[in-house]
Each structure stands twice: as structure tokens, then as C-alpha cells.
Amino acid sequence: MVTNVRFIERDYYKNVIAENGEQLSEQQIEKILDASEPFWADLTFKFFENGSMIIIDNHTELQVPLSSLNEAACEFYAQQRIKMIKAKLRNQKITEAS
């Protein structure tokens, strides 16, 4: 089984600003994002059941090494990996209880 999770850097920062933006409007957030970065990462993380992972750059369709991810993408990766580990542990507990 493969789990694909997409990371769009612009959306990530939009959510961060919205959560911490001291009542900024949607329009103000968009203006900040438009002015800040000409290129935003768009990645697909492919998580495999055996624990391996592949990262694909959706702009180039090339593989990206984990070591080349920026801070936001690394944080996203870590959050996704933690979610998957928790889900696996929950499933193991359910299986053991049955």
C-alpha cells in the first residue's frame, strides 16, 4: 500500500499566517504571500508500508532527496510520518486486542 500526501508550500504558509496572523483578512494574507516568494515548492510524498518514502517535485516530476527539503517541507514530512506511526500503532493495538 502507498499513501500519497501532497505538500504545497504556499498553502502551508497561508495556514501558518492565518493561525498566527492577528486577524489578518484572507486578502491581506494573499498579498503577503504574493510579495514574499516567486517560487513555492509543490511536492508529493509517497509513503510505503515498509517505511520507505519517495518525494516527487510536482513541477519537475523528479525525485527530491530528503536532505534538500526546506524547513517547511521537513516539518510537513515529520508531521506526516508521526501520523502514520500513530495510525500503525493504533492498528496493531486493535489487532492484538481482537
N, C-alpha and C. Protein backbone atom coordinates (compact mmCIF):
# COMPACT_ATOMS: atom_id res chain seq x y z
N MET A 1 0.84 -1.19 0.00
CA MET A 1 0.00 0.00 0.00
C MET A 1 0.89 1.25 0.00
N VAL A 2 0.50 2.23 -0.77
CA VAL A 2 1.21 3.50 -0.86
C VAL A 2 0.26 4.62 -0.44
N THR A 3 0.75 5.51 0.40
CA THR A 3 -0.02 6.69 0.79
C THR A 3 0.65 7.91 0.19
N ASN A 4 -0.08 8.62 -0.67
CA ASN A 4 0.43 9.85 -1.28
C ASN A 4 -0.12 11.06 -0.53
N VAL A 5 0.78 11.95 -0.15
CA VAL A 5 0.38 13.17 0.55
C VAL A 5 1.05 14.35 -0.15
N ARG A 6 0.26 15.33 -0.52
CA ARG A 6 0.79 16.48 -1.25
C ARG A 6 1.09 17.64 -0.31
N PHE A 7 2.23 18.27 -0.55
CA PHE A 7 2.65 19.44 0.21
C PHE A 7 2.76 20.61 -0.76
N ILE A 8 1.95 21.63 -0.55
CA ILE A 8 2.03 22.86 -1.34
C ILE A 8 2.48 23.95 -0.38
N GLU A 9 3.70 24.41 -0.60
CA GLU A 9 4.34 25.33 0.35
C GLU A 9 3.52 26.60 0.57
N ARG A 10 2.97 27.15 -0.48
CA ARG A 10 2.17 28.37 -0.36
C ARG A 10 0.98 28.14 0.58
N ASP A 11 0.30 27.02 0.43
CA ASP A 11 -0.84 26.70 1.30
C ASP A 11 -0.39 26.50 2.74
N TYR A 12 0.77 25.89 2.91
CA TYR A 12 1.33 25.69 4.25
C TYR A 12 1.51 27.04 4.95
N TYR A 13 2.17 27.97 4.26
CA TYR A 13 2.41 29.29 4.87
C TYR A 13 1.12 30.08 5.02
N LYS A 14 0.19 29.88 4.13
CA LYS A 14 -1.11 30.55 4.26
C LYS A 14 -1.79 30.12 5.57
N ASN A 15 -1.74 28.83 5.86
CA ASN A 15 -2.32 28.32 7.11
C ASN A 15 -1.57 28.82 8.33
N VAL A 16 -0.24 28.86 8.25
CA VAL A 16 0.56 29.36 9.37
C VAL A 16 0.21 30.82 9.66
N ILE A 17 0.14 31.63 8.61
CA ILE A 17 -0.19 33.05 8.79
C ILE A 17 -1.61 33.21 9.32
N ALA A 18 -2.54 32.44 8.80
CA ALA A 18 -3.94 32.54 9.24
C ALA A 18 -4.07 32.19 10.73
N GLU A 19 -3.31 31.19 11.17
CA GLU A 19 -3.37 30.78 12.58
C GLU A 19 -2.70 31.79 13.51
N ASN A 20 -1.69 32.50 13.00
CA ASN A 20 -0.90 33.40 13.85
C ASN A 20 -0.96 34.85 13.38
N GLY A 21 -1.87 35.16 12.49
CA GLY A 21 -1.85 36.45 11.80
C GLY A 21 -2.57 37.59 12.47
N GLU A 22 -2.96 37.43 13.71
CA GLU A 22 -3.60 38.52 14.43
C GLU A 22 -4.71 39.18 13.62
N GLN A 23 -5.63 38.36 13.17
CA GLN A 23 -6.84 38.84 12.50
C GLN A 23 -6.59 39.43 11.11
N LEU A 24 -5.62 38.93 10.39
CA LEU A 24 -5.42 39.37 9.01
C LEU A 24 -6.53 38.79 8.15
N SER A 25 -6.98 39.57 7.20
CA SER A 25 -8.01 39.08 6.29
C SER A 25 -7.38 38.14 5.26
N GLU A 26 -8.21 37.38 4.60
CA GLU A 26 -7.76 36.48 3.53
C GLU A 26 -7.01 37.27 2.46
N GLN A 27 -7.54 38.42 2.12
CA GLN A 27 -6.92 39.28 1.10
C GLN A 27 -5.54 39.77 1.55
N GLN A 28 -5.40 40.14 2.80
CA GLN A 28 -4.11 40.59 3.33
C GLN A 28 -3.08 39.45 3.31
N ILE A 29 -3.53 38.27 3.67
CA ILE A 29 -2.64 37.11 3.66
C ILE A 29 -2.16 36.83 2.23
N GLU A 30 -3.08 36.86 1.28
CA GLU A 30 -2.72 36.63 -0.12
C GLU A 30 -1.71 37.67 -0.60
N LYS A 31 -1.90 38.91 -0.19
CA LYS A 31 -0.98 39.98 -0.59
C LYS A 31 0.42 39.73 -0.03
N ILE A 32 0.50 39.31 1.21
CA ILE A 32 1.78 38.99 1.84
C ILE A 32 2.47 37.86 1.08
N LEU A 33 1.72 36.81 0.78
CA LEU A 33 2.29 35.66 0.08
C LEU A 33 2.73 36.02 -1.33
N ASP A 34 1.94 36.83 -2.01
CA ASP A 34 2.29 37.25 -3.38
C ASP A 34 3.60 38.03 -3.40
N ALA A 35 3.84 38.80 -2.36
CA ALA A 35 5.04 39.65 -2.31
C ALA A 35 6.28 38.92 -1.80
N SER A 36 6.09 37.75 -1.20
CA SER A 36 7.22 37.15 -0.49
C SER A 36 8.06 36.15 -1.27
N GLU A 37 7.50 35.39 -2.14
CA GLU A 37 8.26 34.29 -2.76
C GLU A 37 7.82 34.08 -4.20
N PRO A 38 8.77 34.10 -5.14
CA PRO A 38 8.40 33.87 -6.54
C PRO A 38 8.18 32.40 -6.87
N PHE A 39 8.74 31.49 -6.06
CA PHE A 39 8.63 30.06 -6.33
C PHE A 39 8.26 29.33 -5.05
N TRP A 40 7.22 28.52 -5.13
CA TRP A 40 6.77 27.74 -3.99
C TRP A 40 6.92 26.25 -4.30
N ALA A 41 7.38 25.50 -3.33
CA ALA A 41 7.53 24.05 -3.50
C ALA A 41 6.16 23.40 -3.62
N ASP A 42 6.08 22.40 -4.46
CA ASP A 42 4.88 21.57 -4.63
C ASP A 42 5.39 20.13 -4.71
N LEU A 43 5.22 19.40 -3.63
CA LEU A 43 5.81 18.07 -3.51
C LEU A 43 4.75 17.02 -3.22
N THR A 44 5.00 15.81 -3.68
CA THR A 44 4.19 14.67 -3.30
C THR A 44 5.08 13.70 -2.54
N PHE A 45 4.66 13.37 -1.33
CA PHE A 45 5.37 12.39 -0.51
C PHE A 45 4.66 11.06 -0.70
N LYS A 46 5.40 10.05 -1.12
CA LYS A 46 4.86 8.70 -1.29
C LYS A 46 5.41 7.84 -0.16
N PHE A 47 4.54 7.51 0.79
CA PHE A 47 4.92 6.69 1.94
C PHE A 47 4.52 5.24 1.66
N PHE A 48 5.47 4.34 1.83
CA PHE A 48 5.22 2.92 1.60
C PHE A 48 5.08 2.20 2.93
N GLU A 49 4.36 1.08 2.90
CA GLU A 49 4.10 0.31 4.12
C GLU A 49 5.36 -0.14 4.83
N ASN A 50 6.42 -0.39 4.08
CA ASN A 50 7.67 -0.87 4.67
C ASN A 50 8.48 0.24 5.34
N GLY A 51 7.94 1.48 5.34
CA GLY A 51 8.61 2.61 5.98
C GLY A 51 9.43 3.47 5.04
N SER A 52 9.61 3.02 3.81
CA SER A 52 10.36 3.84 2.86
C SER A 52 9.49 4.97 2.32
N MET A 53 10.14 5.90 1.64
CA MET A 53 9.43 7.07 1.15
C MET A 53 10.13 7.61 -0.08
N ILE A 54 9.35 8.17 -0.97
CA ILE A 54 9.87 8.87 -2.14
C ILE A 54 9.22 10.25 -2.15
N ILE A 55 10.00 11.27 -2.47
CA ILE A 55 9.48 12.63 -2.59
C ILE A 55 9.59 13.02 -4.06
N ILE A 56 8.49 13.49 -4.62
CA ILE A 56 8.46 13.91 -6.02
C ILE A 56 8.18 15.41 -6.07
N ASP A 57 8.99 16.13 -6.84
CA ASP A 57 8.74 17.55 -7.11
C ASP A 57 7.70 17.61 -8.22
N ASN A 58 6.53 18.16 -7.93
CA ASN A 58 5.44 18.18 -8.90
C ASN A 58 5.69 19.14 -10.06
N HIS A 59 6.63 20.07 -9.91
CA HIS A 59 6.97 20.97 -11.01
C HIS A 59 7.82 20.25 -12.06
N THR A 60 8.77 19.44 -11.59
CA THR A 60 9.73 18.79 -12.50
C THR A 60 9.46 17.30 -12.68
N GLU A 61 8.65 16.72 -11.79
CA GLU A 61 8.37 15.29 -11.75
C GLU A 61 9.62 14.46 -11.45
N LEU A 62 10.60 15.08 -10.80
CA LEU A 62 11.83 14.40 -10.41
C LEU A 62 11.80 14.09 -8.92
N GLN A 63 12.56 13.05 -8.54
CA GLN A 63 12.70 12.73 -7.13
C GLN A 63 13.54 13.77 -6.43
N VAL A 64 13.20 14.03 -5.17
CA VAL A 64 13.91 15.02 -4.35
C VAL A 64 14.45 14.29 -3.12
N PRO A 65 15.74 14.46 -2.81
CA PRO A 65 16.26 13.84 -1.58
C PRO A 65 15.74 14.56 -0.34
N LEU A 66 15.52 13.80 0.70
CA LEU A 66 15.03 14.36 1.97
C LEU A 66 15.95 15.48 2.46
N SER A 67 17.23 15.33 2.25
CA SER A 67 18.22 16.31 2.72
C SER A 67 18.09 17.67 2.05
N SER A 68 17.40 17.74 0.92
CA SER A 68 17.29 19.03 0.22
C SER A 68 15.99 19.78 0.53
N LEU A 69 15.16 19.24 1.41
CA LEU A 69 13.91 19.91 1.76
C LEU A 69 14.16 21.15 2.60
N ASN A 70 13.32 22.16 2.39
CA ASN A 70 13.41 23.35 3.23
C ASN A 70 12.71 23.07 4.57
N GLU A 71 12.76 24.03 5.46
CA GLU A 71 12.23 23.85 6.82
C GLU A 71 10.74 23.49 6.82
N ALA A 72 9.96 24.17 6.02
CA ALA A 72 8.52 23.92 5.98
C ALA A 72 8.22 22.50 5.49
N ALA A 73 8.89 22.08 4.45
CA ALA A 73 8.68 20.73 3.91
C ALA A 73 9.14 19.67 4.90
N CYS A 74 10.24 19.92 5.60
CA CYS A 74 10.72 18.99 6.64
C CYS A 74 9.71 18.86 7.77
N GLU A 75 9.15 19.98 8.19
CA GLU A 75 8.14 19.95 9.25
C GLU A 75 6.92 19.17 8.79
N PHE A 76 6.49 19.42 7.57
CA PHE A 76 5.35 18.69 7.00
C PHE A 76 5.64 17.19 6.97
N TYR A 77 6.83 16.84 6.49
CA TYR A 77 7.23 15.43 6.43
C TYR A 77 7.18 14.80 7.82
N ALA A 78 7.75 15.47 8.81
CA ALA A 78 7.78 14.94 10.17
C ALA A 78 6.36 14.74 10.71
N GLN A 79 5.48 15.70 10.46
CA GLN A 79 4.09 15.59 10.93
C GLN A 79 3.40 14.39 10.27
N GLN A 80 3.62 14.22 8.98
CA GLN A 80 3.00 13.10 8.26
C GLN A 80 3.54 11.76 8.76
N ARG A 81 4.84 11.69 8.98
CA ARG A 81 5.46 10.45 9.45
C ARG A 81 4.92 10.10 10.84
N ILE A 82 4.78 11.09 11.71
CA ILE A 82 4.23 10.85 13.05
C ILE A 82 2.79 10.34 12.95
N LYS A 83 1.98 10.95 12.09
CA LYS A 83 0.59 10.49 11.90
C LYS A 83 0.56 9.03 11.47
N MET A 84 1.44 8.67 10.54
CA MET A 84 1.46 7.30 10.04
C MET A 84 1.90 6.32 11.12
N ILE A 85 2.88 6.68 11.92
CA ILE A 85 3.35 5.82 13.00
C ILE A 85 2.24 5.62 14.03
N LYS A 86 1.55 6.70 14.40
CA LYS A 86 0.45 6.60 15.36
C LYS A 86 -0.66 5.70 14.82
N ALA A 87 -1.00 5.86 13.55
CA ALA A 87 -2.04 5.02 12.94
C ALA A 87 -1.62 3.55 12.94
N LYS A 88 -0.37 3.29 12.64
CA LYS A 88 0.13 1.91 12.63
C LYS A 88 0.06 1.31 14.03
N LEU A 89 0.45 2.09 15.04
CA LEU A 89 0.39 1.60 16.42
C LEU A 89 -1.04 1.34 16.86
N ARG A 90 -1.96 2.24 16.48
CA ARG A 90 -3.38 2.04 16.80
C ARG A 90 -3.89 0.75 16.18
N ASN A 91 -3.55 0.53 14.91
CA ASN A 91 -3.99 -0.68 14.22
C ASN A 91 -3.41 -1.93 14.86
N GLN A 92 -2.16 -1.87 15.31
CA GLN A 92 -1.54 -3.01 15.98
C GLN A 92 -2.25 -3.32 17.29
N LYS A 93 -2.61 -2.28 18.05
CA LYS A 93 -3.31 -2.48 19.32
C LYS A 93 -4.68 -3.11 19.08
N ILE A 94 -5.38 -2.64 18.04
CA ILE A 94 -6.70 -3.19 17.71
C ILE A 94 -6.56 -4.66 17.32
N THR A 95 -5.55 -4.96 16.52
CA THR A 95 -5.33 -6.34 16.08
C THR A 95 -4.98 -7.24 17.26
N GLU A 96 -4.14 -6.75 18.15
CA GLU A 96 -3.74 -7.53 19.32
C GLU A 96 -4.91 -7.75 20.27
N ALA A 97 -5.82 -6.78 20.36
CA ALA A 97 -6.97 -6.88 21.26
C ALA A 97 -8.02 -7.85 20.71
N SER A 98 -8.01 -8.08 19.43
CA SER A 98 -9.03 -8.97 18.81
C SER A 98 -8.76 -10.42 19.05
